[in-house]
Each structure stands twice: as structure tokens, then as C-alpha cells.
Amino acid sequence: MSITTAQDPAALAQQFQTLAIQWKDGTALLSSTSAMVAHPAYQAIIAMGPPVVPLLLRELERESAHWFEALKAITGEDPVPPADWGKVPAMAAAWLAWGRSRRLL
């Protein structure tokens, strides 16, 4: 599958949704975060780069899934305080606050 560029936001969003569904379907029974993030669809989302960050944040806002490693890999940042590592609702809240402060949401 080719990676869509930022010149076509609708195609980027569609590709993201397709990959997100593949990732969720392919990892639904996994408990290992390492296995989840190693999934080819997850890695393809990371490869989409910065244009996909607002889509990841919107998806995280809608449903608390493990998008944290993708966000860290793409942005090079981690707004989650160490005390909240492993606490999915707190991690999601930290990333959503980060996104809002950068007007990505």
C-alpha cells in the first residue's frame, strides 16, 4: 500500500481509517502493547508522518486506543508524566491536552 501525501487530506483520512481498522481487527485479542505497535498497519500509520497526527488525536478523543507510541514516534514528544504511564485514560488526556495546545484538535 502506498503512503498518501498531505496534498490530499481526504485520501490521507481514508487511508488512516483503513489502516486503523486493520490494526484494531488484527490486534483485538492481543494484550501485549509491543505486539500491538509492531503490527504492520500500526507501522504504516507511523510512516504516514506528521500529517496523520490530528487524525490520531481525533481517534484517541473518540476511543482510548493505544495510539501513544505512534504519537511519540511521529512527534518526538511525550506529554505523559511518568506517574501516568500505563494509565490509558490519563495518557489519553495528556495527549489530547497536548494536541489542543497546538491547535491540532
C-alpha atoms as a PDB file:
ATOM      1  CA  MET A   1       0.000   0.000   0.000  1.00  0.00           C
ATOM      2  CA  SER A   2       1.390   3.396  -0.903  1.00  0.00           C
ATOM      3  CA  ILE A   3       1.581   6.184   1.609  1.00  0.00           C
ATOM      4  CA  THR A   4      -0.658   9.151   0.833  1.00  0.00           C
ATOM      5  CA  THR A   5       0.840  12.624   0.995  1.00  0.00           C
ATOM      6  CA  ALA A   6      -0.584  15.652   2.750  1.00  0.00           C
ATOM      7  CA  GLN A   7      -1.671  17.172  -0.577  1.00  0.00           C
ATOM      8  CA  ASP A   8      -4.866  15.112  -0.416  1.00  0.00           C
ATOM      9  CA  PRO A   9      -6.369  15.327   3.092  1.00  0.00           C
ATOM     10  CA  ALA A  10      -9.415  13.215   2.184  1.00  0.00           C
ATOM     11  CA  ALA A  11      -7.231  10.400   0.848  1.00  0.00           C
ATOM     12  CA  LEU A  12      -4.982  10.675   3.907  1.00  0.00           C
ATOM     13  CA  ALA A  13      -8.009  10.376   6.212  1.00  0.00           C
ATOM     14  CA  GLN A  14      -9.361   7.414   4.251  1.00  0.00           C
ATOM     15  CA  GLN A  15      -6.012   5.639   4.309  1.00  0.00           C
ATOM     16  CA  PHE A  16      -5.700   6.272   8.035  1.00  0.00           C
ATOM     17  CA  GLN A  17      -9.179   4.861   8.699  1.00  0.00           C
ATOM     18  CA  THR A  18      -8.432   1.769   6.605  1.00  0.00           C
ATOM     19  CA  LEU A  19      -5.172   1.146   8.463  1.00  0.00           C
ATOM     20  CA  ALA A  20      -6.740   1.878  11.863  1.00  0.00           C
ATOM     21  CA  ILE A  21      -9.455  -0.715  11.192  1.00  0.00           C
ATOM     22  CA  GLN A  22      -6.852  -3.248  10.044  1.00  0.00           C
ATOM     23  CA  TRP A  23      -4.821  -2.575  13.190  1.00  0.00           C
ATOM     24  CA  LYS A  24      -7.795  -2.845  15.547  1.00  0.00           C
ATOM     25  CA  ASP A  25      -9.040  -6.018  13.864  1.00  0.00           C
ATOM     26  CA  GLY A  26      -5.568  -7.544  13.827  1.00  0.00           C
ATOM     27  CA  THR A  27      -4.765  -6.770  17.448  1.00  0.00           C
ATOM     28  CA  ALA A  28      -8.146  -7.089  19.168  1.00  0.00           C
ATOM     29  CA  LEU A  29      -7.122 -10.244  21.027  1.00  0.00           C
ATOM     30  CA  LEU A  30      -3.612  -9.095  21.932  1.00  0.00           C
ATOM     31  CA  SER A  31      -2.673  -7.962  25.424  1.00  0.00           C
ATOM     32  CA  SER A  32       0.918  -7.072  24.572  1.00  0.00           C
ATOM     33  CA  THR A  33       1.414  -3.406  23.700  1.00  0.00           C
ATOM     34  CA  SER A  34       4.685  -4.359  21.985  1.00  0.00           C
ATOM     35  CA  ALA A  35       2.826  -6.752  19.703  1.00  0.00           C
ATOM     36  CA  MET A  36       0.155  -4.131  19.027  1.00  0.00           C
ATOM     37  CA  VAL A  37       2.639  -1.484  17.929  1.00  0.00           C
ATOM     38  CA  ALA A  38       4.614  -3.976  15.839  1.00  0.00           C
ATOM     39  CA  HIS A  39       1.537  -4.689  13.689  1.00  0.00           C
ATOM     40  CA  PRO A  40       2.150  -3.696  10.023  1.00  0.00           C
ATOM     41  CA  ALA A  41      -0.887  -1.379   9.896  1.00  0.00           C
ATOM     42  CA  TYR A  42       0.312   0.492  13.014  1.00  0.00           C
ATOM     43  CA  GLN A  43       3.764   0.862  11.496  1.00  0.00           C
ATOM     44  CA  ALA A  44       2.205   2.097   8.236  1.00  0.00           C
ATOM     45  CA  ILE A  45       0.321   4.763  10.210  1.00  0.00           C
ATOM     46  CA  ILE A  46       3.585   5.902  11.795  1.00  0.00           C
ATOM     47  CA  ALA A  47       5.144   6.043   8.331  1.00  0.00           C
ATOM     48  CA  MET A  48       2.429   8.493   7.258  1.00  0.00           C
ATOM     49  CA  GLY A  49       4.231  11.075   9.401  1.00  0.00           C
ATOM     50  CA  PRO A  50       3.118  14.414  10.873  1.00  0.00           C
ATOM     51  CA  PRO A  51       0.031  14.909   8.667  1.00  0.00           C
ATOM     52  CA  VAL A  52      -1.624  11.981  10.454  1.00  0.00           C
ATOM     53  CA  VAL A  53      -1.199  13.423  13.981  1.00  0.00           C
ATOM     54  CA  PRO A  54      -4.551  15.306  14.016  1.00  0.00           C
ATOM     55  CA  LEU A  55      -6.268  12.117  12.826  1.00  0.00           C
ATOM     56  CA  LEU A  56      -4.615  10.099  15.591  1.00  0.00           C
ATOM     57  CA  LEU A  57      -5.678  12.665  18.180  1.00  0.00           C
ATOM     58  CA  ARG A  58      -9.281  12.684  16.927  1.00  0.00           C
ATOM     59  CA  GLU A  59      -9.329   8.900  17.051  1.00  0.00           C
ATOM     60  CA  LEU A  60      -7.897   8.994  20.576  1.00  0.00           C
ATOM     61  CA  GLU A  61     -10.559  11.523  21.555  1.00  0.00           C
ATOM     62  CA  ARG A  62     -13.260   9.190  20.211  1.00  0.00           C
ATOM     63  CA  GLU A  63     -11.845   5.975  21.653  1.00  0.00           C
ATOM     64  CA  SER A  64      -8.950   5.422  24.041  1.00  0.00           C
ATOM     65  CA  ALA A  65      -6.827   3.043  21.991  1.00  0.00           C
ATOM     66  CA  HIS A  66      -3.051   2.633  22.221  1.00  0.00           C
ATOM     67  CA  TRP A  67      -2.043   5.395  19.806  1.00  0.00           C
ATOM     68  CA  PHE A  68       0.558   6.699  22.241  1.00  0.00           C
ATOM     69  CA  GLU A  69       3.584   5.007  20.679  1.00  0.00           C
ATOM     70  CA  ALA A  70       2.578   6.248  17.223  1.00  0.00           C
ATOM     71  CA  LEU A  71       2.183   9.793  18.518  1.00  0.00           C
ATOM     72  CA  LYS A  72       5.561   9.635  20.262  1.00  0.00           C
ATOM     73  CA  ALA A  73       7.266   8.158  17.192  1.00  0.00           C
ATOM     74  CA  ILE A  74       5.851  10.817  14.861  1.00  0.00           C
ATOM     75  CA  THR A  75       6.139  13.896  17.095  1.00  0.00           C
ATOM     76  CA  GLY A  76       9.259  13.024  19.089  1.00  0.00           C
ATOM     77  CA  GLU A  77       7.380  14.175  22.185  1.00  0.00           C
ATOM     78  CA  ASP A  78       5.744  12.519  25.175  1.00  0.00           C
ATOM     79  CA  PRO A  79       3.483  14.786  27.234  1.00  0.00           C
ATOM     80  CA  VAL A  80       2.517  11.950  29.601  1.00  0.00           C
ATOM     81  CA  PRO A  81       4.014  12.383  33.089  1.00  0.00           C
ATOM     82  CA  PRO A  82       5.900   9.259  34.236  1.00  0.00           C
ATOM     83  CA  ALA A  83       3.388   8.813  37.071  1.00  0.00           C
ATOM     84  CA  ASP A  84       0.661   8.280  34.443  1.00  0.00           C
ATOM     85  CA  TRP A  85       2.481   5.760  32.251  1.00  0.00           C
ATOM     86  CA  GLY A  86       0.281   2.714  31.816  1.00  0.00           C
ATOM     87  CA  LYS A  87      -2.896   4.570  32.814  1.00  0.00           C
ATOM     88  CA  VAL A  88      -4.711   4.761  29.479  1.00  0.00           C
ATOM     89  CA  PRO A  89      -7.306   7.431  30.417  1.00  0.00           C
ATOM     90  CA  ALA A  90      -4.622   9.702  31.885  1.00  0.00           C
ATOM     91  CA  MET A  91      -2.319   9.093  28.928  1.00  0.00           C
ATOM     92  CA  ALA A  92      -5.131   9.941  26.509  1.00  0.00           C
ATOM     93  CA  ALA A  93      -5.946  13.112  28.453  1.00  0.00           C
ATOM     94  CA  ALA A  94      -2.298  14.225  28.341  1.00  0.00           C
ATOM     95  CA  TRP A  95      -2.061  13.686  24.582  1.00  0.00           C
ATOM     96  CA  LEU A  96      -5.390  15.412  23.950  1.00  0.00           C
ATOM     97  CA  ALA A  97      -4.291  18.416  26.018  1.00  0.00           C
ATOM     98  CA  TRP A  98      -1.028  18.443  24.034  1.00  0.00           C
ATOM     99  CA  GLY A  99      -2.990  18.403  20.775  1.00  0.00           C
ATOM    100  CA  ARG A 100      -5.340  21.174  21.875  1.00  0.00           C
ATOM    101  CA  SER A 101      -2.416  23.354  22.977  1.00  0.00           C
ATOM    102  CA  ARG A 102      -1.033  23.030  19.443  1.00  0.00           C
ATOM    103  CA  ARG A 103      -4.446  23.601  17.836  1.00  0.00           C
ATOM    104  CA  LEU A 104      -4.429  20.145  16.281  1.00  0.00           C
ATOM    105  CA  LEU A 105      -7.906  19.377  17.666  1.00  0.00           C
END
